[in-house]
Amino acid sequence: MSKDDIHPLATGRGGCIASDRITIDGLPVRFMYRQQPHNPQDSGWAFLSGTEDDAYMNDAAKHDIYDVNTIANYDRSIIPFLDAPVGSVFEKVPGATDFVLITDWAPSRS
C-alpha cells in the first residue's frame, strides 16, 4: 500500500505489530489481540492473518511495527474493536464476516 493510499481512518492510536502476511501478502486480519503497551506510543495491538505459526512469528523479519491507522487501511474490519481493553482477543474464522471475542487464548510471554 502506498503512502497515497493511506486515509485517516483510525488516527492517533499509536503503533502496533502486524505480520507480513497482512502487509506484504495481502491477507485479511483474522486474529487480533491487545497486550499491555510497552510505551506511550504503543497501542498494544497485534494484527495477524491467523496463518502465522510460532516459527513464522519468531522470525523478526516477518513482522514489523506500523501505525494502527495503516493497518486499518489494509483491513477496515478492525476499526470497531480498536477501543477494546488490554487483554482483548478477537478472531474471524475463514468464511465469517465478523470478529468474535476469544476468551481462552493469551499471548506467550517470551
N, C-alpha and C. Protein backbone atom coordinates (compact mmCIF):
# COMPACT_ATOMS: atom_id res chain seq x y z
N MET A 1 0.86 -1.17 0.00
CA MET A 1 0.00 0.00 0.00
C MET A 1 0.90 1.23 0.00
N SER A 2 0.65 2.13 -0.91
CA SER A 2 1.47 3.33 -0.98
C SER A 2 0.99 4.38 0.02
N LYS A 3 1.85 5.32 0.31
CA LYS A 3 1.52 6.39 1.23
C LYS A 3 0.25 7.14 0.80
N ASP A 4 0.06 7.30 -0.50
CA ASP A 4 -1.11 8.00 -1.02
C ASP A 4 -2.41 7.21 -0.82
N ASP A 5 -2.29 5.91 -0.57
CA ASP A 5 -3.46 5.07 -0.35
C ASP A 5 -3.93 5.06 1.10
N ILE A 6 -3.14 5.65 1.99
CA ILE A 6 -3.46 5.65 3.42
C ILE A 6 -4.37 6.84 3.73
N HIS A 7 -5.53 6.54 4.31
CA HIS A 7 -6.51 7.57 4.68
C HIS A 7 -6.65 7.61 6.21
N PRO A 8 -7.09 8.74 6.75
CA PRO A 8 -7.23 8.86 8.21
C PRO A 8 -8.48 8.12 8.72
N LEU A 9 -8.35 6.84 8.98
CA LEU A 9 -9.46 6.01 9.43
C LEU A 9 -9.43 5.75 10.93
N ALA A 10 -8.23 5.66 11.50
CA ALA A 10 -8.07 5.34 12.92
C ALA A 10 -6.81 6.02 13.43
N THR A 11 -6.79 7.33 13.34
CA THR A 11 -5.59 8.09 13.68
C THR A 11 -5.44 8.27 15.19
N GLY A 12 -4.22 8.57 15.59
CA GLY A 12 -3.93 8.88 16.98
C GLY A 12 -3.97 7.69 17.92
N ARG A 13 -3.85 6.49 17.41
CA ARG A 13 -3.96 5.29 18.25
C ARG A 13 -2.61 4.66 18.55
N GLY A 14 -1.56 5.15 17.93
CA GLY A 14 -0.23 4.65 18.23
C GLY A 14 0.19 3.51 17.32
N GLY A 15 1.24 2.83 17.75
CA GLY A 15 1.82 1.78 16.96
C GLY A 15 1.24 0.41 17.28
N CYS A 16 1.53 -0.54 16.40
CA CYS A 16 1.06 -1.91 16.57
C CYS A 16 2.02 -2.84 15.85
N ILE A 17 1.86 -4.12 16.08
CA ILE A 17 2.62 -5.13 15.34
C ILE A 17 1.68 -5.73 14.31
N ALA A 18 2.19 -5.94 13.11
CA ALA A 18 1.42 -6.62 12.07
C ALA A 18 2.36 -7.52 11.30
N SER A 19 1.85 -8.68 10.92
CA SER A 19 2.69 -9.63 10.18
C SER A 19 2.72 -9.28 8.70
N ASP A 20 3.76 -9.77 8.05
CA ASP A 20 3.90 -9.59 6.61
C ASP A 20 2.79 -10.28 5.83
N ARG A 21 2.13 -11.25 6.45
CA ARG A 21 1.03 -11.92 5.76
C ARG A 21 -0.07 -10.91 5.45
N ILE A 22 -0.19 -9.85 6.26
CA ILE A 22 -1.18 -8.80 6.03
C ILE A 22 -0.59 -7.72 5.11
N THR A 23 0.57 -7.20 5.49
CA THR A 23 1.11 -6.03 4.79
C THR A 23 1.83 -6.35 3.48
N ILE A 24 2.33 -7.55 3.35
CA ILE A 24 3.05 -7.94 2.12
C ILE A 24 2.19 -8.88 1.26
N ASP A 25 1.65 -9.92 1.90
CA ASP A 25 0.89 -10.93 1.16
C ASP A 25 -0.56 -10.53 0.90
N GLY A 26 -1.07 -9.53 1.63
CA GLY A 26 -2.42 -9.04 1.38
C GLY A 26 -3.54 -9.86 2.00
N LEU A 27 -3.20 -10.73 2.96
CA LEU A 27 -4.25 -11.49 3.64
C LEU A 27 -5.02 -10.58 4.60
N PRO A 28 -6.27 -10.88 4.88
CA PRO A 28 -7.02 -10.05 5.82
C PRO A 28 -6.61 -10.34 7.27
N VAL A 29 -6.91 -9.40 8.15
CA VAL A 29 -6.71 -9.63 9.58
C VAL A 29 -7.78 -10.63 10.02
N ARG A 30 -7.34 -11.71 10.63
CA ARG A 30 -8.28 -12.71 11.14
C ARG A 30 -8.04 -13.00 12.62
N PHE A 31 -6.98 -12.39 13.18
CA PHE A 31 -6.68 -12.59 14.59
C PHE A 31 -6.03 -11.32 15.10
N MET A 32 -6.55 -10.80 16.20
CA MET A 32 -6.00 -9.57 16.76
C MET A 32 -6.09 -9.64 18.28
N TYR A 33 -5.06 -9.15 18.92
CA TYR A 33 -5.06 -9.13 20.38
C TYR A 33 -4.36 -7.87 20.87
N ARG A 34 -4.72 -7.51 22.12
CA ARG A 34 -4.16 -6.30 22.70
C ARG A 34 -3.48 -6.62 24.02
N GLN A 35 -2.19 -6.35 24.06
CA GLN A 35 -1.38 -6.53 25.26
C GLN A 35 -1.17 -5.18 25.95
N GLN A 36 -0.60 -5.23 27.12
CA GLN A 36 -0.21 -4.01 27.81
C GLN A 36 0.81 -3.29 26.94
N PRO A 37 0.60 -2.01 26.61
CA PRO A 37 1.58 -1.27 25.80
C PRO A 37 2.94 -1.19 26.49
N HIS A 38 3.99 -1.18 25.68
CA HIS A 38 5.36 -1.08 26.20
C HIS A 38 5.81 0.35 26.44
N ASN A 39 5.15 1.31 25.79
CA ASN A 39 5.50 2.71 25.94
C ASN A 39 4.30 3.56 25.48
N PRO A 40 4.35 4.87 25.67
CA PRO A 40 3.20 5.71 25.32
C PRO A 40 2.83 5.70 23.83
N GLN A 41 3.76 5.33 22.95
CA GLN A 41 3.47 5.30 21.52
C GLN A 41 2.88 3.96 21.08
N ASP A 42 2.87 2.98 21.96
CA ASP A 42 2.42 1.63 21.65
C ASP A 42 0.94 1.48 21.99
N SER A 43 0.15 0.98 21.04
CA SER A 43 -1.27 0.72 21.30
C SER A 43 -1.48 -0.60 22.03
N GLY A 44 -0.49 -1.49 21.94
CA GLY A 44 -0.63 -2.82 22.49
C GLY A 44 -1.21 -3.83 21.52
N TRP A 45 -1.70 -3.37 20.37
CA TRP A 45 -2.35 -4.25 19.40
C TRP A 45 -1.35 -5.03 18.56
N ALA A 46 -1.72 -6.27 18.24
CA ALA A 46 -1.02 -7.10 17.26
C ALA A 46 -2.08 -7.62 16.30
N PHE A 47 -1.78 -7.57 15.01
CA PHE A 47 -2.71 -7.98 13.96
C PHE A 47 -2.06 -9.07 13.11
N LEU A 48 -2.77 -10.20 12.99
CA LEU A 48 -2.25 -11.35 12.29
C LEU A 48 -3.30 -11.89 11.32
N SER A 49 -2.83 -12.66 10.37
CA SER A 49 -3.76 -13.28 9.41
C SER A 49 -4.37 -14.56 9.98
N GLY A 50 -3.77 -15.09 11.03
CA GLY A 50 -4.23 -16.35 11.59
C GLY A 50 -3.52 -17.55 10.98
N THR A 51 -2.64 -17.31 10.01
CA THR A 51 -1.89 -18.40 9.38
C THR A 51 -0.45 -18.46 9.88
N GLU A 52 -0.05 -17.55 10.73
CA GLU A 52 1.31 -17.49 11.24
C GLU A 52 1.48 -18.53 12.37
N ASP A 53 2.52 -19.32 12.29
CA ASP A 53 2.82 -20.23 13.40
C ASP A 53 3.95 -19.61 14.23
N ASP A 54 4.35 -20.31 15.29
CA ASP A 54 5.40 -19.78 16.17
C ASP A 54 6.71 -19.53 15.42
N ALA A 55 7.08 -20.44 14.54
CA ALA A 55 8.34 -20.26 13.78
C ALA A 55 8.28 -18.99 12.94
N TYR A 56 7.15 -18.75 12.30
CA TYR A 56 6.98 -17.55 11.49
C TYR A 56 7.13 -16.29 12.36
N MET A 57 6.44 -16.27 13.49
CA MET A 57 6.47 -15.08 14.35
C MET A 57 7.80 -14.91 15.07
N ASN A 58 8.55 -15.99 15.24
CA ASN A 58 9.86 -15.88 15.87
C ASN A 58 10.90 -15.29 14.92
N ASP A 59 10.56 -15.16 13.65
CA ASP A 59 11.43 -14.53 12.66
C ASP A 59 11.08 -13.04 12.60
N ALA A 60 11.90 -12.22 13.22
CA ALA A 60 11.62 -10.78 13.31
C ALA A 60 11.49 -10.10 11.95
N ALA A 61 12.01 -10.71 10.92
CA ALA A 61 11.91 -10.13 9.58
C ALA A 61 10.51 -10.30 8.97
N LYS A 62 9.65 -11.05 9.64
CA LYS A 62 8.32 -11.35 9.08
C LYS A 62 7.19 -10.54 9.71
N HIS A 63 7.52 -9.59 10.54
CA HIS A 63 6.53 -8.68 11.10
C HIS A 63 7.23 -7.38 11.45
N ASP A 64 6.43 -6.33 11.60
CA ASP A 64 7.04 -5.02 11.85
C ASP A 64 6.07 -4.18 12.66
N ILE A 65 6.53 -3.00 13.03
CA ILE A 65 5.71 -2.04 13.76
C ILE A 65 5.13 -1.05 12.76
N TYR A 66 3.84 -0.82 12.86
CA TYR A 66 3.11 0.10 11.99
C TYR A 66 2.22 0.98 12.84
N ASP A 67 1.79 2.08 12.28
CA ASP A 67 0.74 2.87 12.89
C ASP A 67 -0.56 2.09 12.76
N VAL A 68 -1.38 2.08 13.80
CA VAL A 68 -2.66 1.37 13.74
C VAL A 68 -3.48 1.85 12.55
N ASN A 69 -3.42 3.13 12.24
CA ASN A 69 -4.16 3.66 11.09
C ASN A 69 -3.76 2.97 9.79
N THR A 70 -2.49 2.64 9.64
CA THR A 70 -2.04 1.95 8.43
C THR A 70 -2.72 0.59 8.32
N ILE A 71 -2.76 -0.16 9.40
CA ILE A 71 -3.37 -1.49 9.36
C ILE A 71 -4.88 -1.37 9.16
N ALA A 72 -5.50 -0.33 9.71
CA ALA A 72 -6.93 -0.10 9.47
C ALA A 72 -7.20 0.14 7.99
N ASN A 73 -6.24 0.71 7.29
CA ASN A 73 -6.38 0.90 5.86
C ASN A 73 -6.24 -0.41 5.09
N TYR A 74 -5.47 -1.33 5.60
CA TYR A 74 -5.37 -2.66 4.99
C TYR A 74 -6.65 -3.46 5.23
N ASP A 75 -7.25 -3.30 6.42
CA ASP A 75 -8.45 -4.08 6.76
C ASP A 75 -9.33 -3.25 7.71
N ARG A 76 -10.33 -2.62 7.15
CA ARG A 76 -11.21 -1.74 7.92
C ARG A 76 -12.06 -2.47 8.95
N SER A 77 -12.15 -3.78 8.84
CA SER A 77 -12.99 -4.53 9.78
C SER A 77 -12.45 -4.50 11.21
N ILE A 78 -11.20 -4.07 11.41
CA ILE A 78 -10.63 -3.98 12.76
C ILE A 78 -11.11 -2.75 13.51
N ILE A 79 -11.55 -1.74 12.79
CA ILE A 79 -11.83 -0.42 13.40
C ILE A 79 -12.81 -0.48 14.57
N PRO A 80 -13.93 -1.19 14.49
CA PRO A 80 -14.87 -1.18 15.61
C PRO A 80 -14.30 -1.76 16.91
N PHE A 81 -13.18 -2.46 16.86
CA PHE A 81 -12.63 -3.14 18.03
C PHE A 81 -11.43 -2.42 18.64
N LEU A 82 -11.01 -1.33 18.05
CA LEU A 82 -9.77 -0.68 18.48
C LEU A 82 -9.82 -0.07 19.87
N ASP A 83 -11.01 0.16 20.41
CA ASP A 83 -11.13 0.69 21.77
C ASP A 83 -11.28 -0.42 22.81
N ALA A 84 -11.18 -1.66 22.40
CA ALA A 84 -11.28 -2.78 23.34
C ALA A 84 -10.14 -2.70 24.35
N PRO A 85 -10.38 -3.14 25.57
CA PRO A 85 -9.35 -3.03 26.61
C PRO A 85 -8.18 -3.98 26.41
N VAL A 86 -7.09 -3.67 27.08
CA VAL A 86 -5.92 -4.55 27.12
C VAL A 86 -6.40 -5.93 27.59
N GLY A 87 -5.90 -6.96 26.94
CA GLY A 87 -6.31 -8.32 27.24
C GLY A 87 -7.34 -8.87 26.27
N SER A 88 -7.88 -8.01 25.42
CA SER A 88 -8.88 -8.44 24.44
C SER A 88 -8.24 -9.25 23.32
N VAL A 89 -8.97 -10.27 22.87
CA VAL A 89 -8.53 -11.13 21.77
C VAL A 89 -9.75 -11.36 20.88
N PHE A 90 -9.58 -11.17 19.57
CA PHE A 90 -10.66 -11.36 18.62
C PHE A 90 -10.18 -12.22 17.46
N GLU A 91 -11.10 -13.03 16.94
CA GLU A 91 -10.79 -13.88 15.80
C GLU A 91 -11.94 -13.83 14.80
N LYS A 92 -11.58 -13.90 13.53
CA LYS A 92 -12.55 -14.01 12.45
C LYS A 92 -12.19 -15.29 11.68
N VAL A 93 -13.01 -16.30 11.81
CA VAL A 93 -12.70 -17.57 11.15
C VAL A 93 -12.92 -17.43 9.65
N PRO A 94 -12.19 -18.21 8.85
CA PRO A 94 -12.38 -18.13 7.40
C PRO A 94 -13.85 -18.33 7.02
N GLY A 95 -14.33 -17.47 6.16
CA GLY A 95 -15.71 -17.51 5.72
C GLY A 95 -16.63 -16.62 6.53
N ALA A 96 -16.19 -16.20 7.71
CA ALA A 96 -17.00 -15.33 8.57
C ALA A 96 -16.78 -13.87 8.17
N THR A 97 -17.75 -13.04 8.47
CA THR A 97 -17.62 -11.61 8.19
C THR A 97 -17.36 -10.79 9.44
N ASP A 98 -17.57 -11.39 10.62
CA ASP A 98 -17.43 -10.65 11.87
C ASP A 98 -16.41 -11.30 12.80
N PHE A 99 -15.72 -10.46 13.56
CA PHE A 99 -14.83 -10.94 14.61
C PHE A 99 -15.66 -11.40 15.80
N VAL A 100 -15.15 -12.39 16.51
CA VAL A 100 -15.77 -12.83 17.76
C VAL A 100 -14.72 -12.74 18.87
N LEU A 101 -15.19 -12.46 20.07
CA LEU A 101 -14.33 -12.37 21.23
C LEU A 101 -13.85 -13.77 21.61
N ILE A 102 -12.56 -13.91 21.86
CA ILE A 102 -11.95 -15.18 22.28
C ILE A 102 -11.56 -15.03 23.75
N THR A 103 -11.91 -16.01 24.55
CA THR A 103 -11.62 -15.92 25.98
C THR A 103 -10.65 -16.98 26.47
N ASP A 104 -10.22 -17.89 25.59
CA ASP A 104 -9.35 -18.98 26.03
C ASP A 104 -7.97 -18.94 25.40
N TRP A 105 -7.47 -17.73 25.08
CA TRP A 105 -6.15 -17.60 24.47
C TRP A 105 -5.45 -16.40 25.09
N ALA A 106 -4.16 -16.51 25.27
CA ALA A 106 -3.34 -15.39 25.72
C ALA A 106 -1.98 -15.52 25.03
N PRO A 107 -1.35 -14.38 24.70
CA PRO A 107 -0.03 -14.45 24.05
C PRO A 107 1.00 -15.06 24.98
N SER A 108 1.97 -15.76 24.40
CA SER A 108 3.05 -16.32 25.21
C SER A 108 3.93 -15.20 25.71
N ARG A 109 4.56 -15.42 26.80
CA ARG A 109 5.44 -14.42 27.39
C ARG A 109 6.88 -14.82 27.13
N SER A 110 7.37 -14.43 25.93
CA SER A 110 8.75 -14.79 25.60
C SER A 110 9.67 -13.65 25.87
